[in-house]
Amino acid sequence: MDAVYKRHDIHAEAWELLHPSGWEPRLYISWREAGQMIAKNFTINQVFSTRKKAERAGLLFAQKWLDDGKPALRT
């Protein structure tokens, strides 16, 4: 699932997990800042029953992260 939000390119995808069974959201967000391309990758440590639900949750997470001013995340 791809989106542009506040001049940031967001790519949300989901990876299928075997144990626990389900889907985990993974994000790639990129933007230009001071003439340079910046990119961040995130994995959200939550499991969803479907790929679509996981991708949608990832997109919502990315939008909230941007709304909150891109705070540091634990890796």
N, C-alpha and C. Protein backbone atom coordinates (compact mmCIF):
# COMPACT_ATOMS: atom_id res chain seq x y z
N MET A 1 0.86 -1.16 0.00
CA MET A 1 0.00 0.00 0.00
C MET A 1 0.91 1.23 0.00
N ASP A 2 0.73 2.09 -0.97
CA ASP A 2 1.56 3.29 -1.10
C ASP A 2 0.70 4.53 -0.90
N ALA A 3 1.32 5.56 -0.33
CA ALA A 3 0.63 6.83 -0.14
C ALA A 3 1.65 7.95 -0.07
N VAL A 4 1.20 9.15 -0.38
CA VAL A 4 1.99 10.35 -0.16
C VAL A 4 1.25 11.13 0.92
N TYR A 5 1.97 11.50 1.97
CA TYR A 5 1.35 12.19 3.10
C TYR A 5 2.32 13.26 3.58
N LYS A 6 1.88 14.49 3.57
CA LYS A 6 2.71 15.62 4.00
C LYS A 6 4.08 15.60 3.33
N ARG A 7 4.06 15.39 2.01
CA ARG A 7 5.27 15.38 1.18
C ARG A 7 6.25 14.26 1.55
N HIS A 8 5.75 13.19 2.10
CA HIS A 8 6.53 12.00 2.43
C HIS A 8 5.94 10.82 1.65
N ASP A 9 6.81 10.02 1.05
CA ASP A 9 6.37 8.81 0.36
C ASP A 9 6.34 7.67 1.37
N ILE A 10 5.21 7.01 1.48
CA ILE A 10 5.04 5.91 2.43
C ILE A 10 4.75 4.64 1.64
N HIS A 11 5.49 3.60 1.97
CA HIS A 11 5.22 2.28 1.41
C HIS A 11 5.00 1.34 2.60
N ALA A 12 3.77 0.85 2.74
CA ALA A 12 3.43 -0.08 3.81
C ALA A 12 3.21 -1.45 3.20
N GLU A 13 3.88 -2.43 3.77
CA GLU A 13 3.70 -3.81 3.32
C GLU A 13 3.56 -4.69 4.55
N ALA A 14 3.29 -5.95 4.34
CA ALA A 14 3.14 -6.87 5.47
C ALA A 14 3.88 -8.16 5.16
N TRP A 15 4.46 -8.72 6.20
CA TRP A 15 5.18 -9.99 6.09
C TRP A 15 4.38 -11.05 6.83
N GLU A 16 4.25 -12.19 6.21
CA GLU A 16 3.51 -13.27 6.85
C GLU A 16 4.40 -13.97 7.88
N LEU A 17 3.86 -14.16 9.05
CA LEU A 17 4.56 -14.83 10.14
C LEU A 17 4.02 -16.24 10.29
N LEU A 18 4.92 -17.16 10.62
CA LEU A 18 4.48 -18.53 10.85
C LEU A 18 4.12 -18.75 12.32
N HIS A 19 4.87 -18.10 13.20
CA HIS A 19 4.58 -18.24 14.63
C HIS A 19 4.88 -16.93 15.33
N PRO A 20 3.96 -16.21 15.84
CA PRO A 20 2.54 -16.54 15.78
C PRO A 20 2.01 -16.33 14.37
N SER A 21 0.99 -17.02 14.04
CA SER A 21 0.40 -16.94 12.71
C SER A 21 -0.25 -15.57 12.50
N GLY A 22 0.05 -14.94 11.38
CA GLY A 22 -0.54 -13.64 11.08
C GLY A 22 0.37 -12.81 10.20
N TRP A 23 0.12 -11.50 10.20
CA TRP A 23 0.84 -10.56 9.34
C TRP A 23 1.41 -9.42 10.17
N GLU A 24 2.65 -9.04 9.88
CA GLU A 24 3.34 -7.97 10.60
C GLU A 24 3.61 -6.79 9.65
N PRO A 25 3.21 -5.57 10.04
CA PRO A 25 3.43 -4.41 9.17
C PRO A 25 4.91 -4.00 9.10
N ARG A 26 5.33 -3.65 7.91
CA ARG A 26 6.67 -3.10 7.69
C ARG A 26 6.52 -1.85 6.83
N LEU A 27 7.30 -0.82 7.18
CA LEU A 27 7.15 0.48 6.53
C LEU A 27 8.47 0.97 5.96
N TYR A 28 8.35 1.70 4.87
CA TYR A 28 9.46 2.44 4.28
C TYR A 28 8.92 3.84 4.02
N ILE A 29 9.56 4.84 4.64
CA ILE A 29 9.14 6.24 4.48
C ILE A 29 10.33 7.03 3.96
N SER A 30 10.12 7.82 2.91
CA SER A 30 11.21 8.64 2.37
C SER A 30 10.71 10.06 2.11
N TRP A 31 11.66 10.99 2.21
CA TRP A 31 11.35 12.41 1.97
C TRP A 31 12.64 13.16 1.70
N ARG A 32 12.50 14.37 1.18
CA ARG A 32 13.64 15.26 0.94
C ARG A 32 13.71 16.26 2.07
N GLU A 33 14.94 16.45 2.54
CA GLU A 33 15.19 17.42 3.61
C GLU A 33 16.55 18.06 3.37
N ALA A 34 16.58 19.37 3.29
CA ALA A 34 17.81 20.10 3.04
C ALA A 34 18.52 19.58 1.79
N GLY A 35 17.76 19.27 0.75
CA GLY A 35 18.33 18.83 -0.51
C GLY A 35 18.79 17.38 -0.54
N GLN A 36 18.56 16.63 0.53
CA GLN A 36 18.98 15.23 0.58
C GLN A 36 17.77 14.32 0.75
N MET A 37 17.87 13.13 0.19
CA MET A 37 16.83 12.13 0.37
C MET A 37 17.09 11.38 1.68
N ILE A 38 16.06 11.30 2.51
CA ILE A 38 16.15 10.59 3.78
C ILE A 38 15.15 9.45 3.74
N ALA A 39 15.51 8.31 4.29
CA ALA A 39 14.61 7.16 4.31
C ALA A 39 14.66 6.49 5.67
N LYS A 40 13.52 6.02 6.11
CA LYS A 40 13.41 5.29 7.37
C LYS A 40 12.65 4.00 7.12
N ASN A 41 13.08 2.94 7.76
CA ASN A 41 12.40 1.65 7.72
C ASN A 41 11.92 1.30 9.12
N PHE A 42 10.71 0.80 9.23
CA PHE A 42 10.15 0.40 10.51
C PHE A 42 9.47 -0.94 10.38
N THR A 43 9.51 -1.70 11.44
CA THR A 43 8.69 -2.88 11.59
C THR A 43 7.84 -2.65 12.82
N ILE A 44 6.55 -2.85 12.70
CA ILE A 44 5.66 -2.66 13.83
C ILE A 44 5.43 -4.02 14.47
N ASN A 45 5.73 -4.11 15.74
CA ASN A 45 5.68 -5.38 16.45
C ASN A 45 4.25 -5.70 16.89
N GLN A 46 3.37 -5.87 15.91
CA GLN A 46 1.99 -6.27 16.13
C GLN A 46 1.63 -7.28 15.07
N VAL A 47 0.75 -8.19 15.38
CA VAL A 47 0.34 -9.22 14.43
C VAL A 47 -1.14 -9.01 14.10
N PHE A 48 -1.44 -9.04 12.80
CA PHE A 48 -2.80 -8.85 12.31
C PHE A 48 -3.25 -10.10 11.57
N SER A 49 -4.55 -10.28 11.51
CA SER A 49 -5.09 -11.51 10.92
C SER A 49 -4.99 -11.54 9.40
N THR A 50 -4.94 -10.38 8.76
CA THR A 50 -4.85 -10.34 7.29
C THR A 50 -3.76 -9.37 6.85
N ARG A 51 -3.30 -9.58 5.64
CA ARG A 51 -2.30 -8.68 5.05
C ARG A 51 -2.85 -7.27 4.95
N LYS A 52 -4.09 -7.15 4.49
CA LYS A 52 -4.70 -5.83 4.30
C LYS A 52 -4.79 -5.06 5.61
N LYS A 53 -5.18 -5.73 6.69
CA LYS A 53 -5.26 -5.08 8.00
C LYS A 53 -3.88 -4.62 8.46
N ALA A 54 -2.87 -5.44 8.23
CA ALA A 54 -1.51 -5.08 8.63
C ALA A 54 -1.00 -3.88 7.84
N GLU A 55 -1.24 -3.87 6.54
CA GLU A 55 -0.80 -2.75 5.71
C GLU A 55 -1.52 -1.46 6.10
N ARG A 56 -2.81 -1.55 6.36
CA ARG A 56 -3.58 -0.36 6.77
C ARG A 56 -3.07 0.17 8.11
N ALA A 57 -2.80 -0.73 9.05
CA ALA A 57 -2.26 -0.33 10.35
C ALA A 57 -0.90 0.34 10.18
N GLY A 58 -0.08 -0.18 9.27
CA GLY A 58 1.21 0.43 9.00
C GLY A 58 1.08 1.83 8.44
N LEU A 59 0.16 2.01 7.51
CA LEU A 59 -0.06 3.33 6.92
C LEU A 59 -0.54 4.32 7.99
N LEU A 60 -1.46 3.91 8.83
CA LEU A 60 -1.94 4.79 9.91
C LEU A 60 -0.83 5.12 10.90
N PHE A 61 0.02 4.14 11.21
CA PHE A 61 1.17 4.37 12.09
C PHE A 61 2.10 5.42 11.49
N ALA A 62 2.39 5.29 10.19
CA ALA A 62 3.29 6.23 9.52
C ALA A 62 2.71 7.65 9.55
N GLN A 63 1.42 7.78 9.29
CA GLN A 63 0.80 9.10 9.29
C GLN A 63 0.84 9.72 10.69
N LYS A 64 0.58 8.93 11.71
CA LYS A 64 0.65 9.45 13.08
C LYS A 64 2.08 9.84 13.44
N TRP A 65 3.05 9.04 13.00
CA TRP A 65 4.46 9.34 13.27
C TRP A 65 4.83 10.69 12.66
N LEU A 66 4.35 10.94 11.45
CA LEU A 66 4.60 12.23 10.79
C LEU A 66 3.88 13.36 11.50
N ASP A 67 2.62 13.13 11.87
CA ASP A 67 1.85 14.15 12.61
C ASP A 67 2.51 14.52 13.93
N ASP A 68 3.17 13.53 14.56
CA ASP A 68 3.83 13.75 15.85
C ASP A 68 5.22 14.37 15.73
N GLY A 69 5.63 14.67 14.50
CA GLY A 69 6.92 15.33 14.29
C GLY A 69 8.10 14.40 14.13
N LYS A 70 7.86 13.15 13.73
CA LYS A 70 8.90 12.14 13.49
C LYS A 70 9.75 11.87 14.74
N PRO A 71 9.12 11.53 15.86
CA PRO A 71 9.90 11.26 17.07
C PRO A 71 10.77 10.01 16.92
N ALA A 72 11.83 9.95 17.69
CA ALA A 72 12.72 8.79 17.66
C ALA A 72 11.93 7.54 18.09
N LEU A 73 12.20 6.45 17.42
CA LEU A 73 11.54 5.18 17.74
C LEU A 73 12.58 4.20 18.26
N ARG A 74 12.14 3.35 19.15
CA ARG A 74 13.05 2.29 19.63
C ARG A 74 13.27 1.28 18.51
N THR A 75 14.50 0.86 18.35
CA THR A 75 14.80 -0.14 17.32
C THR A 75 15.12 -1.46 17.93
